[in-house]
Amino acid sequence: MAREMASPMTGTIKEVLARQGDRIVPGQELFIVESMKMELPVEAEQDGVVAEVLVAPGQRVEQGQPLLRLT
């Protein structure tokens, strides 16, 4: 069963630190999002394996938009 991780804020993806197949743990930085001229890390809230990364650097995201899927 796949789970999605959503963006906690509206902004622009500056960096993607997770790749498909990566095993992640809570607190691990997965993305850097630029919002209001600040670069903010987005951290994993749960563990799992990255099934699919849904965004790319330079892409604008909205709060609640899925960033990746976990298995």
PDB file of N, CA and C in Angstrom:
ATOM      1  N   MET A   1       0.841  -1.184   0.000  1.00  0.00           N
ATOM      2  CA  MET A   1       0.000   0.000   0.000  1.00  0.00           C
ATOM      3  C   MET A   1       0.883   1.244   0.000  1.00  0.00           C
ATOM      4  N   ALA A   2       0.688   2.116  -0.957  1.00  0.00           N
ATOM      5  CA  ALA A   2       1.483   3.338  -1.076  1.00  0.00           C
ATOM      6  C   ALA A   2       0.906   4.433  -0.189  1.00  0.00           C
ATOM      7  N   ARG A   3       1.792   5.212   0.403  1.00  0.00           N
ATOM      8  CA  ARG A   3       1.416   6.379   1.198  1.00  0.00           C
ATOM      9  C   ARG A   3       2.043   7.596   0.544  1.00  0.00           C
ATOM     10  N   GLU A   4       1.370   8.730   0.611  1.00  0.00           N
ATOM     11  CA  GLU A   4       1.911   9.951   0.021  1.00  0.00           C
ATOM     12  C   GLU A   4       2.376  10.910   1.110  1.00  0.00           C
ATOM     13  N   MET A   5       3.427  11.626   0.789  1.00  0.00           N
ATOM     14  CA  MET A   5       3.902  12.696   1.664  1.00  0.00           C
ATOM     15  C   MET A   5       3.612  14.005   0.961  1.00  0.00           C
ATOM     16  N   ALA A   6       2.935  14.930   1.662  1.00  0.00           N
ATOM     17  CA  ALA A   6       2.500  16.182   1.053  1.00  0.00           C
ATOM     18  C   ALA A   6       3.374  17.351   1.493  1.00  0.00           C
ATOM     19  N   SER A   7       3.379  18.387   0.681  1.00  0.00           N
ATOM     20  CA  SER A   7       4.129  19.600   0.992  1.00  0.00           C
ATOM     21  C   SER A   7       3.460  20.330   2.156  1.00  0.00           C
ATOM     22  N   PRO A   8       4.235  20.719   3.162  1.00  0.00           N
ATOM     23  CA  PRO A   8       3.661  21.449   4.284  1.00  0.00           C
ATOM     24  C   PRO A   8       3.449  22.938   3.991  1.00  0.00           C
ATOM     25  N   MET A   9       3.937  23.395   2.813  1.00  0.00           N
ATOM     26  CA  MET A   9       3.846  24.809   2.484  1.00  0.00           C
ATOM     27  C   MET A   9       3.807  25.006   0.970  1.00  0.00           C
ATOM     28  N   THR A  10       3.398  26.199   0.562  1.00  0.00           N
ATOM     29  CA  THR A  10       3.461  26.606  -0.837  1.00  0.00           C
ATOM     30  C   THR A  10       4.851  27.180  -1.094  1.00  0.00           C
ATOM     31  N   GLY A  11       5.446  26.825  -2.222  1.00  0.00           N
ATOM     32  CA  GLY A  11       6.777  27.341  -2.554  1.00  0.00           C
ATOM     33  C   GLY A  11       7.309  26.697  -3.813  1.00  0.00           C
ATOM     34  N   THR A  12       8.622  26.772  -3.974  1.00  0.00           N
ATOM     35  CA  THR A  12       9.308  26.210  -5.132  1.00  0.00           C
ATOM     36  C   THR A  12      10.319  25.175  -4.652  1.00  0.00           C
ATOM     37  N   ILE A  13      10.326  24.011  -5.290  1.00  0.00           N
ATOM     38  CA  ILE A  13      11.287  22.965  -4.947  1.00  0.00           C
ATOM     39  C   ILE A  13      12.671  23.431  -5.384  1.00  0.00           C
ATOM     40  N   LYS A  14      13.585  23.553  -4.419  1.00  0.00           N
ATOM     41  CA  LYS A  14      14.953  23.957  -4.723  1.00  0.00           C
ATOM     42  C   LYS A  14      15.851  22.738  -4.903  1.00  0.00           C
ATOM     43  N   GLU A  15      15.584  21.696  -4.094  1.00  0.00           N
ATOM     44  CA  GLU A  15      16.445  20.518  -4.129  1.00  0.00           C
ATOM     45  C   GLU A  15      15.633  19.289  -3.739  1.00  0.00           C
ATOM     46  N   VAL A  16      15.888  18.193  -4.441  1.00  0.00           N
ATOM     47  CA  VAL A  16      15.278  16.901  -4.123  1.00  0.00           C
ATOM     48  C   VAL A  16      16.394  16.015  -3.574  1.00  0.00           C
ATOM     49  N   LEU A  17      16.257  15.591  -2.326  1.00  0.00           N
ATOM     50  CA  LEU A  17      17.298  14.821  -1.659  1.00  0.00           C
ATOM     51  C   LEU A  17      16.977  13.328  -1.598  1.00  0.00           C
ATOM     52  N   ALA A  18      15.774  12.955  -1.998  1.00  0.00           N
ATOM     53  CA  ALA A  18      15.353  11.549  -1.975  1.00  0.00           C
ATOM     54  C   ALA A  18      15.237  11.022  -3.399  1.00  0.00           C
ATOM     55  N   ARG A  19      15.539   9.739  -3.554  1.00  0.00           N
ATOM     56  CA  ARG A  19      15.423   9.086  -4.873  1.00  0.00           C
ATOM     57  C   ARG A  19      14.580   7.832  -4.734  1.00  0.00           C
ATOM     58  N   GLN A  20      14.010   7.425  -5.838  1.00  0.00           N
ATOM     59  CA  GLN A  20      13.244   6.188  -5.855  1.00  0.00           C
ATOM     60  C   GLN A  20      14.119   5.051  -5.335  1.00  0.00           C
ATOM     61  N   GLY A  21      13.567   4.259  -4.425  1.00  0.00           N
ATOM     62  CA  GLY A  21      14.294   3.131  -3.857  1.00  0.00           C
ATOM     63  C   GLY A  21      14.993   3.439  -2.539  1.00  0.00           C
ATOM     64  N   ASP A  22      15.118   4.730  -2.182  1.00  0.00           N
ATOM     65  CA  ASP A  22      15.754   5.099  -0.921  1.00  0.00           C
ATOM     66  C   ASP A  22      14.901   4.655   0.260  1.00  0.00           C
ATOM     67  N   ARG A  23      15.535   4.137   1.292  1.00  0.00           N
ATOM     68  CA  ARG A  23      14.866   3.864   2.566  1.00  0.00           C
ATOM     69  C   ARG A  23      15.017   5.118   3.407  1.00  0.00           C
ATOM     70  N   ILE A  24      13.896   5.652   3.905  1.00  0.00           N
ATOM     71  CA  ILE A  24      13.938   6.886   4.683  1.00  0.00           C
ATOM     72  C   ILE A  24      13.456   6.637   6.107  1.00  0.00           C
ATOM     73  N   VAL A  25      13.854   7.537   6.998  1.00  0.00           N
ATOM     74  CA  VAL A  25      13.484   7.460   8.413  1.00  0.00           C
ATOM     75  C   VAL A  25      12.937   8.814   8.852  1.00  0.00           C
ATOM     76  N   PRO A  26      12.109   8.834   9.908  1.00  0.00           N
ATOM     77  CA  PRO A  26      11.574  10.106  10.398  1.00  0.00           C
ATOM     78  C   PRO A  26      12.687  11.096  10.716  1.00  0.00           C
ATOM     79  N   GLY A  27      12.490  12.351  10.317  1.00  0.00           N
ATOM     80  CA  GLY A  27      13.456  13.405  10.546  1.00  0.00           C
ATOM     81  C   GLY A  27      14.458  13.600   9.421  1.00  0.00           C
ATOM     82  N   GLN A  28      14.510  12.668   8.489  1.00  0.00           N
ATOM     83  CA  GLN A  28      15.441  12.773   7.357  1.00  0.00           C
ATOM     84  C   GLN A  28      14.965  13.862   6.401  1.00  0.00           C
ATOM     85  N   GLU A  29      15.879  14.730   5.965  1.00  0.00           N
ATOM     86  CA  GLU A  29      15.528  15.779   5.005  1.00  0.00           C
ATOM     87  C   GLU A  29      15.343  15.161   3.629  1.00  0.00           C
ATOM     88  N   LEU A  30      14.201  15.479   2.997  1.00  0.00           N
ATOM     89  CA  LEU A  30      13.868  14.912   1.694  1.00  0.00           C
ATOM     90  C   LEU A  30      13.840  15.959   0.587  1.00  0.00           C
ATOM     91  N   PHE A  31      13.468  17.175   0.934  1.00  0.00           N
ATOM     92  CA  PHE A  31      13.355  18.265  -0.037  1.00  0.00           C
ATOM     93  C   PHE A  31      13.776  19.559   0.628  1.00  0.00           C
ATOM     94  N   ILE A  32      14.213  20.513  -0.200  1.00  0.00           N
ATOM     95  CA  ILE A  32      14.393  21.898   0.232  1.00  0.00           C
ATOM     96  C   ILE A  32      13.389  22.704  -0.586  1.00  0.00           C
ATOM     97  N   VAL A  33      12.526  23.451   0.114  1.00  0.00           N
ATOM     98  CA  VAL A  33      11.507  24.274  -0.533  1.00  0.00           C
ATOM     99  C   VAL A  33      11.804  25.731  -0.229  1.00  0.00           C
ATOM    100  N   GLU A  34      11.782  26.563  -1.263  1.00  0.00           N
ATOM    101  CA  GLU A  34      11.929  28.002  -1.061  1.00  0.00           C
ATOM    102  C   GLU A  34      10.539  28.602  -0.933  1.00  0.00           C
ATOM    103  N   SER A  35      10.332  29.291   0.186  1.00  0.00           N
ATOM    104  CA  SER A  35       9.052  29.928   0.452  1.00  0.00           C
ATOM    105  C   SER A  35       9.324  31.258   1.142  1.00  0.00           C
ATOM    106  N   MET A  36       8.776  32.326   0.631  1.00  0.00           N
ATOM    107  CA  MET A  36       8.963  33.668   1.183  1.00  0.00           C
ATOM    108  C   MET A  36      10.448  34.011   1.327  1.00  0.00           C
ATOM    109  N   LYS A  37      11.247  33.673   0.302  1.00  0.00           N
ATOM    110  CA  LYS A  37      12.683  33.962   0.214  1.00  0.00           C
ATOM    111  C   LYS A  37      13.516  33.212   1.249  1.00  0.00           C
ATOM    112  N   MET A  38      12.936  32.169   1.855  1.00  0.00           N
ATOM    113  CA  MET A  38      13.682  31.331   2.794  1.00  0.00           C
ATOM    114  C   MET A  38      13.711  29.910   2.254  1.00  0.00           C
ATOM    115  N   GLU A  39      14.838  29.228   2.457  1.00  0.00           N
ATOM    116  CA  GLU A  39      14.944  27.827   2.070  1.00  0.00           C
ATOM    117  C   GLU A  39      14.670  26.968   3.291  1.00  0.00           C
ATOM    118  N   LEU A  40      13.633  26.143   3.194  1.00  0.00           N
ATOM    119  CA  LEU A  40      13.175  25.357   4.333  1.00  0.00           C
ATOM    120  C   LEU A  40      13.244  23.865   4.018  1.00  0.00           C
ATOM    121  N   PRO A  41      13.786  23.067   4.937  1.00  0.00           N
ATOM    122  CA  PRO A  41      13.817  21.618   4.708  1.00  0.00           C
ATOM    123  C   PRO A  41      12.454  20.995   4.956  1.00  0.00           C
ATOM    124  N   VAL A  42      12.140  19.983   4.165  1.00  0.00           N
ATOM    125  CA  VAL A  42      10.941  19.164   4.388  1.00  0.00           C
ATOM    126  C   VAL A  42      11.448  17.799   4.821  1.00  0.00           C
ATOM    127  N   GLU A  43      11.057  17.389   6.023  1.00  0.00           N
ATOM    128  CA  GLU A  43      11.554  16.152   6.609  1.00  0.00           C
ATOM    129  C   GLU A  43      10.501  15.043   6.576  1.00  0.00           C
ATOM    130  N   ALA A  44      10.993  13.821   6.538  1.00  0.00           N
ATOM    131  CA  ALA A  44      10.114  12.651   6.590  1.00  0.00           C
ATOM    132  C   ALA A  44       9.434  12.585   7.949  1.00  0.00           C
ATOM    133  N   GLU A  45       8.160  12.252   7.939  1.00  0.00           N
ATOM    134  CA  GLU A  45       7.404  12.087   9.180  1.00  0.00           C
ATOM    135  C   GLU A  45       7.272  10.617   9.556  1.00  0.00           C
ATOM    136  N   GLN A  46       7.564   9.739   8.611  1.00  0.00           N
ATOM    137  CA  GLN A  46       7.449   8.301   8.853  1.00  0.00           C
ATOM    138  C   GLN A  46       8.517   7.575   8.047  1.00  0.00           C
ATOM    139  N   ASP A  47       8.739   6.329   8.387  1.00  0.00           N
ATOM    140  CA  ASP A  47       9.741   5.568   7.646  1.00  0.00           C
ATOM    141  C   ASP A  47       9.084   4.854   6.471  1.00  0.00           C
ATOM    142  N   GLY A  48       9.916   4.382   5.568  1.00  0.00           N
ATOM    143  CA  GLY A  48       9.429   3.673   4.397  1.00  0.00           C
ATOM    144  C   GLY A  48      10.465   3.670   3.296  1.00  0.00           C
ATOM    145  N   VAL A  49      10.043   3.206   2.137  1.00  0.00           N
ATOM    146  CA  VAL A  49      10.888   3.190   0.947  1.00  0.00           C
ATOM    147  C   VAL A  49      10.227   4.084  -0.092  1.00  0.00           C
ATOM    148  N   VAL A  50      11.011   4.953  -0.723  1.00  0.00           N
ATOM    149  CA  VAL A  50      10.477   5.872  -1.734  1.00  0.00           C
ATOM    150  C   VAL A  50      10.083   5.070  -2.971  1.00  0.00           C
ATOM    151  N   ALA A  51       8.799   5.067  -3.283  1.00  0.00           N
ATOM    152  CA  ALA A  51       8.296   4.374  -4.466  1.00  0.00           C
ATOM    153  C   ALA A  51       8.368   5.285  -5.696  1.00  0.00           C
ATOM    154  N   GLU A  52       8.131   6.591  -5.474  1.00  0.00           N
ATOM    155  CA  GLU A  52       8.104   7.527  -6.602  1.00  0.00           C
ATOM    156  C   GLU A  52       8.264   8.953  -6.077  1.00  0.00           C
ATOM    157  N   VAL A  53       9.135   9.733  -6.706  1.00  0.00           N
ATOM    158  CA  VAL A  53       9.267  11.162  -6.414  1.00  0.00           C
ATOM    159  C   VAL A  53       8.388  11.883  -7.434  1.00  0.00           C
ATOM    160  N   LEU A  54       7.494  12.747  -6.961  1.00  0.00           N
ATOM    161  CA  LEU A  54       6.481  13.359  -7.823  1.00  0.00           C
ATOM    162  C   LEU A  54       6.798  14.789  -8.251  1.00  0.00           C
ATOM    163  N   VAL A  55       7.908  15.357  -7.765  1.00  0.00           N
ATOM    164  CA  VAL A  55       8.265  16.740  -8.093  1.00  0.00           C
ATOM    165  C   VAL A  55       9.733  16.817  -8.511  1.00  0.00           C
ATOM    166  N   ALA A  56      10.102  17.947  -9.108  1.00  0.00           N
ATOM    167  CA  ALA A  56      11.477  18.165  -9.573  1.00  0.00           C
ATOM    168  C   ALA A  56      11.924  19.567  -9.181  1.00  0.00           C
ATOM    169  N   PRO A  57      13.247  19.789  -9.101  1.00  0.00           N
ATOM    170  CA  PRO A  57      13.738  21.131  -8.796  1.00  0.00           C
ATOM    171  C   PRO A  57      13.168  22.165  -9.763  1.00  0.00           C
ATOM    172  N   GLY A  58      12.810  23.322  -9.205  1.00  0.00           N
ATOM    173  CA  GLY A  58      12.233  24.402 -10.003  1.00  0.00           C
ATOM    174  C   GLY A  58      10.724  24.359 -10.082  1.00  0.00           C
ATOM    175  N   GLN A  59      10.133  23.262  -9.666  1.00  0.00           N
ATOM    176  CA  GLN A  59       8.678  23.111  -9.749  1.00  0.00           C
ATOM    177  C   GLN A  59       7.999  23.843  -8.601  1.00  0.00           C
ATOM    178  N   ARG A  60       6.937  24.558  -8.902  1.00  0.00           N
ATOM    179  CA  ARG A  60       6.124  25.238  -7.889  1.00  0.00           C
ATOM    180  C   ARG A  60       5.168  24.216  -7.286  1.00  0.00           C
ATOM    181  N   VAL A  61       5.036  24.229  -5.957  1.00  0.00           N
ATOM    182  CA  VAL A  61       4.128  23.309  -5.269  1.00  0.00           C
ATOM    183  C   VAL A  61       3.206  24.094  -4.352  1.00  0.00           C
ATOM    184  N   GLU A  62       2.039  23.544  -4.128  1.00  0.00           N
ATOM    185  CA  GLU A  62       1.058  24.129  -3.220  1.00  0.00           C
ATOM    186  C   GLU A  62       1.035  23.336  -1.924  1.00  0.00           C
ATOM    187  N   GLN A  63       0.642  23.974  -0.850  1.00  0.00           N
ATOM    188  CA  GLN A  63       0.499  23.279   0.421  1.00  0.00           C
ATOM    189  C   GLN A  63      -0.465  22.108   0.235  1.00  0.00           C
ATOM    190  N   GLY A  64      -0.076  20.932   0.703  1.00  0.00           N
ATOM    191  CA  GLY A  64      -0.905  19.739   0.582  1.00  0.00           C
ATOM    192  C   GLY A  64      -0.672  18.936  -0.686  1.00  0.00           C
ATOM    193  N   GLN A  65       0.107  19.461  -1.612  1.00  0.00           N
ATOM    194  CA  GLN A  65       0.395  18.739  -2.863  1.00  0.00           C
ATOM    195  C   GLN A  65       1.330  17.562  -2.574  1.00  0.00           C
ATOM    196  N   PRO A  66       1.045  16.369  -3.106  1.00  0.00           N
ATOM    197  CA  PRO A  66       1.927  15.217  -2.893  1.00  0.00           C
ATOM    198  C   PRO A  66       3.315  15.455  -3.492  1.00  0.00           C
ATOM    199  N   LEU A  67       4.358  15.134  -2.686  1.00  0.00           N
ATOM    200  CA  LEU A  67       5.744  15.263  -3.125  1.00  0.00           C
ATOM    201  C   LEU A  67       6.354  13.927  -3.495  1.00  0.00           C
ATOM    202  N   LEU A  68       5.971  12.892  -2.748  1.00  0.00           N
ATOM    203  CA  LEU A  68       6.474  11.547  -3.048  1.00  0.00           C
ATOM    204  C   LEU A  68       5.520  10.500  -2.503  1.00  0.00           C
ATOM    205  N   ARG A  69       5.719   9.276  -3.008  1.00  0.00           N
ATOM    206  CA  ARG A  69       4.947   8.129  -2.534  1.00  0.00           C
ATOM    207  C   ARG A  69       5.893   7.163  -1.849  1.00  0.00           C
ATOM    208  N   LEU A  70       5.443   6.592  -0.742  1.00  0.00           N
ATOM    209  CA  LEU A  70       6.214   5.626   0.026  1.00  0.00           C
ATOM    210  C   LEU A  70       5.532   4.266  -0.011  1.00  0.00           C
ATOM    211  N   THR A  71       6.339   3.219   0.080  1.00  0.00           N
ATOM    212  CA  THR A  71       5.782   1.866   0.262  1.00  0.00           C
ATOM    213  C   THR A  71       6.224   1.350   1.603  1.00  0.00           C
TER     214      THR A  71
END
